[in-house]
Amino acid sequence: MELSMVPLAKIVFNIFIIASVLITAYTCNFYYLAYLSRRRKDRPATVQDAGEPSITIQLPIYNEKYVARRLVDAVCALDYPRSKMRIMVLDDSDDDTVGIMRDVVSHYNKKGFEIEHIRRGTRAGYKAGALKHAMKSTDTELVAIFDADFMPPEWFLRRAIPHFAKPDIGLVQCKWGHANENYSAITRAQALSLDFHFLIEQKAKSNSKLFMNFNGTAGIWRRECIEDSGGWHTATLVEDLDLSYRAQMKNWRCVFLPHIVVDAELPMQMNAAKRQQYRWAKGSIQCAVKLWWQPRPRYRRSCS
């Protein structure tokens, strides 16, 4: 009995040591990012007027009948010339959302908006597949993306687009707000975690040479950057992380804008929050395996 307990004790001890090392490494990394996020004050990214470039706003949705109309209403209320703005509702739904979106798109078409209800007839590739399909007919200079539970303020484009004045900027990512933060302990915990992510991790990476990621929504891409980086891939669960890393491996710059906040609804059920965290964790591992051996070019993109 005593001999059989010796190997078990060693295993438990080794697990304890490994866990301690991982926790220590994570803690050191957090404090390093906190230092980078506070090391220098935010500098305005605008060095000249970016004008009013054409932009496509892509809205990937799937069975979002309760919030899809609110999203389209918010996007159509954006303060930007209609002649320069195109809206694409990428609807892969198979419930009442389809009829709702058909009516909403028809309503705004009659008001003079260039808005399309795109049904590709398949869910292949899920969100990444929908975005990839939409890029085949996207010819504007910029591409904005919003998930169904986001509510962009009317001034969003006016404040975010000027940050593309420099030609090496491929992406601007804005901070997520939390419309239902005080709903429950679950939403408050998620809000705290996301605030740490944006105000520590994203801010630190944006201020340094570390790779920052696109968060899948509430951001704007330069179309040239998407195409130069290989477009949307469907090989991982985190197409946003995948594309943003490939863009930075091509020496495009990604910028986080903490002062531009886009409100969204947090998952209110524990199972929904767990599924979201699982998808992010699994997708990050898939992305690391996919991109690990890809070489990074040595040239620097011109900022002139």
Protein backbone atom coordinates (compact mmCIF):
# COMPACT_ATOMS: atom_id res chain seq x y z
CA MET A 1 0.00 0.00 0.00
CA GLU A 2 2.78 2.42 0.91
CA LEU A 3 4.68 1.64 -2.30
CA SER A 4 1.59 2.27 -4.45
CA MET A 5 1.11 5.66 -2.80
CA VAL A 6 4.62 6.85 -3.74
CA PRO A 7 3.99 7.15 -7.52
CA LEU A 8 0.63 8.82 -6.86
CA ALA A 9 2.26 11.39 -4.58
CA LYS A 10 4.86 12.14 -7.25
CA ILE A 11 2.15 12.61 -9.87
CA VAL A 12 0.20 14.99 -7.65
CA PHE A 13 3.37 16.91 -6.80
CA ASN A 14 4.31 17.24 -10.50
CA ILE A 15 0.82 18.46 -11.35
CA PHE A 16 1.09 21.04 -8.56
CA ILE A 17 4.47 22.26 -9.86
CA ILE A 18 3.22 22.51 -13.45
CA ALA A 19 0.09 24.40 -12.34
CA SER A 20 2.20 26.76 -10.24
CA VAL A 21 4.52 27.50 -13.15
CA LEU A 22 1.59 28.19 -15.50
CA ILE A 23 -0.15 30.47 -13.00
CA THR A 24 3.09 32.34 -12.34
CA ALA A 25 3.73 32.77 -16.07
CA TYR A 26 0.19 34.01 -16.65
CA THR A 27 0.48 36.47 -13.76
CA CYS A 28 3.82 37.82 -15.03
CA ASN A 29 2.36 38.17 -18.52
CA PHE A 30 -0.64 40.07 -17.15
CA TYR A 31 1.54 42.54 -15.26
CA TYR A 32 3.78 42.99 -18.31
CA LEU A 33 0.75 43.82 -20.46
CA ALA A 34 -0.54 46.15 -17.75
CA TYR A 35 2.81 47.94 -17.84
CA LEU A 36 2.70 48.25 -21.63
CA SER A 37 -0.87 49.54 -21.55
CA ARG A 38 0.17 52.36 -19.22
CA ARG A 39 3.68 52.97 -20.52
CA ARG A 40 2.71 55.77 -22.85
CA LYS A 41 -0.33 57.91 -23.28
CA ASP A 42 -2.70 57.32 -26.16
CA ARG A 43 -1.61 59.22 -29.21
CA PRO A 44 -4.08 60.35 -31.85
CA ALA A 45 -3.69 58.11 -34.88
CA THR A 46 -5.00 60.73 -37.27
CA VAL A 47 -2.26 62.70 -39.00
CA GLN A 48 -4.41 63.95 -41.84
CA ASP A 49 -8.01 63.96 -42.98
CA ALA A 50 -8.99 60.50 -44.30
CA GLY A 51 -11.92 61.97 -46.21
CA GLU A 52 -15.06 59.89 -46.75
CA PRO A 53 -13.91 56.57 -48.20
CA SER A 54 -16.50 54.09 -49.42
CA ILE A 55 -17.41 51.45 -46.87
CA THR A 56 -19.35 48.20 -46.78
CA ILE A 57 -20.99 47.25 -43.50
CA GLN A 58 -21.36 43.48 -43.23
CA LEU A 59 -23.85 42.04 -40.73
CA PRO A 60 -23.44 38.25 -40.33
CA ILE A 61 -26.49 36.84 -38.53
CA TYR A 62 -27.94 33.43 -37.75
CA ASN A 63 -31.33 32.98 -36.08
CA GLU A 64 -31.32 36.38 -34.35
CA LYS A 65 -35.01 37.32 -34.69
CA TYR A 66 -35.06 39.31 -31.45
CA VAL A 67 -32.14 41.64 -32.19
CA ALA A 68 -31.54 41.60 -35.95
CA ARG A 69 -33.97 44.44 -36.71
CA ARG A 70 -32.39 46.60 -33.99
CA LEU A 71 -28.95 46.07 -35.57
CA VAL A 72 -30.09 47.10 -39.05
CA ASP A 73 -31.91 50.14 -37.64
CA ALA A 74 -28.73 51.22 -35.83
CA VAL A 75 -26.56 50.76 -38.93
CA CYS A 76 -28.97 52.69 -41.15
CA ALA A 77 -28.92 55.53 -38.61
CA LEU A 78 -25.14 55.98 -38.94
CA ASP A 79 -24.03 59.49 -39.83
CA TYR A 80 -22.36 58.87 -43.20
CA PRO A 81 -23.19 59.66 -46.86
CA ARG A 82 -25.52 57.01 -48.28
CA SER A 83 -23.68 57.16 -51.59
CA LYS A 84 -20.51 55.96 -49.83
CA MET A 85 -22.13 53.31 -47.61
CA ARG A 86 -23.23 49.82 -48.60
CA ILE A 87 -24.95 47.43 -46.17
CA MET A 88 -24.88 43.65 -46.55
CA VAL A 89 -27.10 41.52 -44.29
CA LEU A 90 -25.42 38.11 -44.41
CA ASP A 91 -28.36 35.99 -43.31
CA ASP A 92 -27.75 32.26 -42.84
CA SER A 93 -30.85 31.87 -40.66
CA ASP A 94 -33.44 29.11 -40.88
CA ASP A 95 -36.10 30.61 -38.60
CA ASP A 96 -38.33 33.70 -38.54
CA THR A 97 -35.27 35.94 -38.89
CA VAL A 98 -35.37 35.43 -42.66
CA GLY A 99 -38.81 37.01 -43.06
CA ILE A 100 -38.01 39.81 -40.63
CA MET A 101 -34.83 40.71 -42.50
CA ARG A 102 -36.54 40.55 -45.86
CA ASP A 103 -39.09 43.13 -44.70
CA VAL A 104 -36.51 45.36 -43.03
CA VAL A 105 -34.21 45.38 -46.06
CA SER A 106 -37.13 46.16 -48.36
CA HIS A 107 -38.15 49.04 -46.06
CA TYR A 108 -34.71 50.65 -46.16
CA ASN A 109 -34.30 50.03 -49.90
CA LYS A 110 -37.39 52.16 -50.45
CA LYS A 111 -35.75 54.89 -48.34
CA GLY A 112 -32.75 54.99 -50.69
CA PHE A 113 -30.23 52.87 -48.78
CA GLU A 114 -27.94 50.52 -50.67
CA ILE A 115 -28.75 47.47 -48.58
CA GLU A 116 -28.85 43.79 -49.57
CA HIS A 117 -30.31 40.69 -47.97
CA ILE A 118 -27.83 37.97 -48.89
CA ARG A 119 -28.86 34.32 -48.59
CA ARG A 120 -26.17 31.91 -49.76
CA GLY A 121 -28.27 28.77 -49.22
CA THR A 122 -25.74 27.01 -47.00
CA ARG A 123 -24.03 27.41 -43.62
CA ALA A 124 -20.70 26.06 -44.84
CA GLY A 125 -17.93 27.77 -42.90
CA TYR A 126 -20.48 29.44 -40.62
CA LYS A 127 -19.63 33.12 -39.98
CA ALA A 128 -16.27 32.91 -41.78
CA GLY A 129 -18.02 31.32 -44.75
CA ALA A 130 -20.58 34.12 -44.87
CA LEU A 131 -17.88 36.81 -44.73
CA LYS A 132 -15.80 35.03 -47.37
CA HIS A 133 -18.83 34.81 -49.65
CA ALA A 134 -19.60 38.51 -49.15
CA MET A 135 -16.06 39.59 -50.03
CA LYS A 136 -16.55 38.25 -53.58
CA SER A 137 -18.80 41.22 -54.33
CA THR A 138 -17.29 43.81 -51.97
CA ASP A 139 -15.44 46.59 -53.79
CA THR A 140 -15.38 49.44 -51.25
CA GLU A 141 -12.23 50.75 -49.60
CA LEU A 142 -13.27 49.75 -46.07
CA VAL A 143 -15.29 46.94 -44.52
CA ALA A 144 -17.01 47.20 -41.11
CA ILE A 145 -18.40 44.17 -39.30
CA PHE A 146 -21.05 43.99 -36.57
CA ASP A 147 -22.56 40.93 -34.91
CA ALA A 148 -26.31 40.85 -34.31
CA ASP A 149 -26.22 41.85 -30.63
CA PHE A 150 -24.22 45.06 -31.21
CA MET A 151 -25.59 48.60 -31.41
CA PRO A 152 -23.17 51.02 -33.12
CA PRO A 153 -23.77 54.68 -32.21
CA GLU A 154 -24.60 57.05 -35.05
CA TRP A 155 -21.19 58.77 -34.84
CA PHE A 156 -19.23 55.51 -35.08
CA LEU A 157 -17.96 55.84 -38.66
CA ARG A 158 -17.13 59.54 -38.30
CA ARG A 159 -14.83 58.84 -35.35
CA ALA A 160 -13.32 55.53 -36.46
CA ILE A 161 -12.59 56.08 -40.17
CA PRO A 162 -10.08 58.96 -39.69
CA HIS A 163 -7.70 56.45 -38.11
CA PHE A 164 -7.14 54.99 -41.59
CA ALA A 165 -5.28 58.15 -42.67
CA LYS A 166 -2.01 56.18 -42.56
CA PRO A 167 -1.82 53.63 -45.40
CA ASP A 168 -0.31 50.86 -43.25
CA ILE A 169 -3.35 50.69 -40.95
CA GLY A 170 -5.24 47.52 -41.87
CA LEU A 171 -7.68 47.28 -38.96
CA VAL A 172 -9.15 49.42 -36.22
CA GLN A 173 -10.79 47.58 -33.34
CA CYS A 174 -13.15 49.40 -30.98
CA LYS A 175 -14.00 48.61 -27.38
CA TRP A 176 -17.07 46.59 -26.51
CA GLY A 177 -19.60 48.18 -24.16
CA HIS A 178 -22.10 46.16 -22.11
CA ALA A 179 -25.76 47.07 -22.44
CA ASN A 180 -26.88 44.47 -19.88
CA GLU A 181 -23.87 44.41 -17.54
CA ASN A 182 -25.99 44.66 -14.38
CA TYR A 183 -28.47 41.93 -15.34
CA SER A 184 -26.87 39.25 -13.15
CA ALA A 185 -23.65 38.09 -11.53
CA ILE A 186 -22.85 36.19 -14.75
CA THR A 187 -23.04 39.31 -16.93
CA ARG A 188 -21.05 41.38 -14.41
CA ALA A 189 -18.28 38.76 -14.38
CA GLN A 190 -18.18 38.67 -18.18
CA ALA A 191 -18.09 42.47 -18.37
CA LEU A 192 -15.15 42.60 -15.95
CA SER A 193 -13.26 39.96 -17.93
CA LEU A 194 -13.86 41.72 -21.26
CA ASP A 195 -12.87 45.11 -19.83
CA PHE A 196 -9.56 43.61 -18.67
CA HIS A 197 -9.08 42.12 -22.14
CA PHE A 198 -9.68 45.40 -23.96
CA LEU A 199 -8.14 47.93 -21.58
CA ILE A 200 -5.10 45.83 -20.65
CA GLU A 201 -4.39 43.25 -23.36
CA GLN A 202 -5.64 45.02 -26.48
CA LYS A 203 -4.35 48.41 -25.40
CA ALA A 204 -0.91 47.00 -24.55
CA LYS A 205 -0.63 45.14 -27.85
CA SER A 206 -1.79 48.14 -29.84
CA ASN A 207 0.81 50.35 -28.10
CA SER A 208 3.65 47.90 -28.79
CA LYS A 209 4.89 45.49 -31.43
CA LEU A 210 2.92 42.58 -29.99
CA PHE A 211 0.24 41.02 -32.20
CA MET A 212 -3.28 42.16 -31.29
CA ASN A 213 -6.40 40.45 -32.58
CA PHE A 214 -9.63 41.47 -34.21
CA ASN A 215 -12.52 40.64 -31.88
CA GLY A 216 -14.88 39.60 -34.65
CA THR A 217 -17.13 42.65 -34.46
CA ALA A 218 -17.15 46.41 -33.78
CA GLY A 219 -14.16 46.93 -36.05
CA ILE A 220 -13.29 48.21 -39.51
CA TRP A 221 -10.92 46.60 -42.02
CA ARG A 222 -9.17 48.04 -45.04
CA ARG A 223 -10.36 45.82 -47.90
CA GLU A 224 -6.85 45.73 -49.38
CA CYS A 225 -5.58 44.33 -46.07
CA ILE A 226 -8.13 41.49 -46.08
CA GLU A 227 -7.24 40.53 -49.64
CA ASP A 228 -3.48 40.88 -49.14
CA SER A 229 -3.67 38.65 -46.06
CA GLY A 230 -5.44 35.83 -47.88
CA GLY A 231 -9.05 36.63 -47.01
CA TRP A 232 -11.30 34.84 -44.56
CA HIS A 233 -10.43 31.21 -43.81
CA THR A 234 -12.88 28.61 -42.48
CA ALA A 235 -10.28 26.25 -41.00
CA THR A 236 -10.65 27.49 -37.39
CA LEU A 237 -13.41 28.58 -35.02
CA VAL A 238 -11.79 32.03 -34.64
CA GLU A 239 -11.65 33.45 -38.14
CA ASP A 240 -11.17 36.92 -36.62
CA LEU A 241 -7.99 35.95 -34.73
CA ASP A 242 -6.69 34.04 -37.75
CA LEU A 243 -7.08 36.92 -40.24
CA SER A 244 -5.75 39.60 -37.88
CA TYR A 245 -2.60 37.56 -37.16
CA ARG A 246 -2.05 36.88 -40.87
CA ALA A 247 -2.47 40.60 -41.56
CA GLN A 248 0.20 41.51 -39.01
CA MET A 249 2.49 38.82 -40.42
CA LYS A 250 2.16 40.83 -43.65
CA ASN A 251 3.18 43.94 -41.66
CA TRP A 252 -0.22 45.59 -41.63
CA ARG A 253 -0.87 47.53 -38.42
CA CYS A 254 -3.85 46.85 -36.19
CA VAL A 255 -4.97 49.63 -33.85
CA PHE A 256 -7.22 49.49 -30.78
CA LEU A 257 -9.40 52.54 -30.10
CA PRO A 258 -10.42 52.50 -26.40
CA HIS A 259 -12.33 55.78 -26.65
CA ILE A 260 -14.81 54.41 -29.22
CA VAL A 261 -17.25 52.12 -27.43
CA VAL A 262 -19.92 50.00 -29.12
CA ASP A 263 -22.56 48.58 -26.79
CA ALA A 264 -23.58 44.93 -27.01
CA GLU A 265 -25.54 42.37 -25.04
CA LEU A 266 -23.62 39.81 -22.99
CA PRO A 267 -24.80 36.16 -22.84
CA MET A 268 -27.22 35.98 -19.92
CA GLN A 269 -27.24 32.20 -19.47
CA MET A 270 -24.34 30.21 -18.07
CA ASN A 271 -24.47 27.63 -20.88
CA ALA A 272 -24.27 30.36 -23.53
CA ALA A 273 -21.29 31.96 -21.78
CA LYS A 274 -19.56 28.56 -21.46
CA ARG A 275 -20.09 27.80 -25.16
CA GLN A 276 -18.61 31.17 -26.07
CA GLN A 277 -15.52 30.64 -23.89
CA TYR A 278 -15.06 27.11 -25.22
CA ARG A 279 -15.23 28.33 -28.82
CA TRP A 280 -12.65 31.06 -28.15
CA ALA A 281 -10.29 28.68 -26.35
CA LYS A 282 -10.50 25.88 -28.92
CA GLY A 283 -10.25 28.30 -31.83
CA SER A 284 -7.15 29.96 -30.37
CA ILE A 285 -5.38 26.61 -30.21
CA GLN A 286 -6.45 25.83 -33.78
CA CYS A 287 -5.12 29.19 -34.91
CA ALA A 288 -1.77 28.68 -33.14
CA VAL A 289 -1.31 25.28 -34.80
CA LYS A 290 -2.32 26.71 -38.20
CA LEU A 291 0.00 29.73 -38.17
CA TRP A 292 2.96 28.49 -36.12
CA TRP A 293 5.28 27.72 -39.01
CA GLN A 294 4.25 30.51 -41.37
CA PRO A 295 7.20 32.87 -41.99
CA ARG A 296 6.89 36.58 -41.32
CA PRO A 297 8.24 38.89 -44.07
CA ARG A 298 11.08 41.21 -43.13
CA TYR A 299 9.99 44.26 -45.09
CA ARG A 300 8.16 47.16 -43.44
CA ARG A 301 5.10 48.58 -45.11
CA SER A 302 5.52 52.20 -46.14
CA CYS A 303 3.66 54.81 -44.08
CA SER A 304 4.22 57.64 -46.53
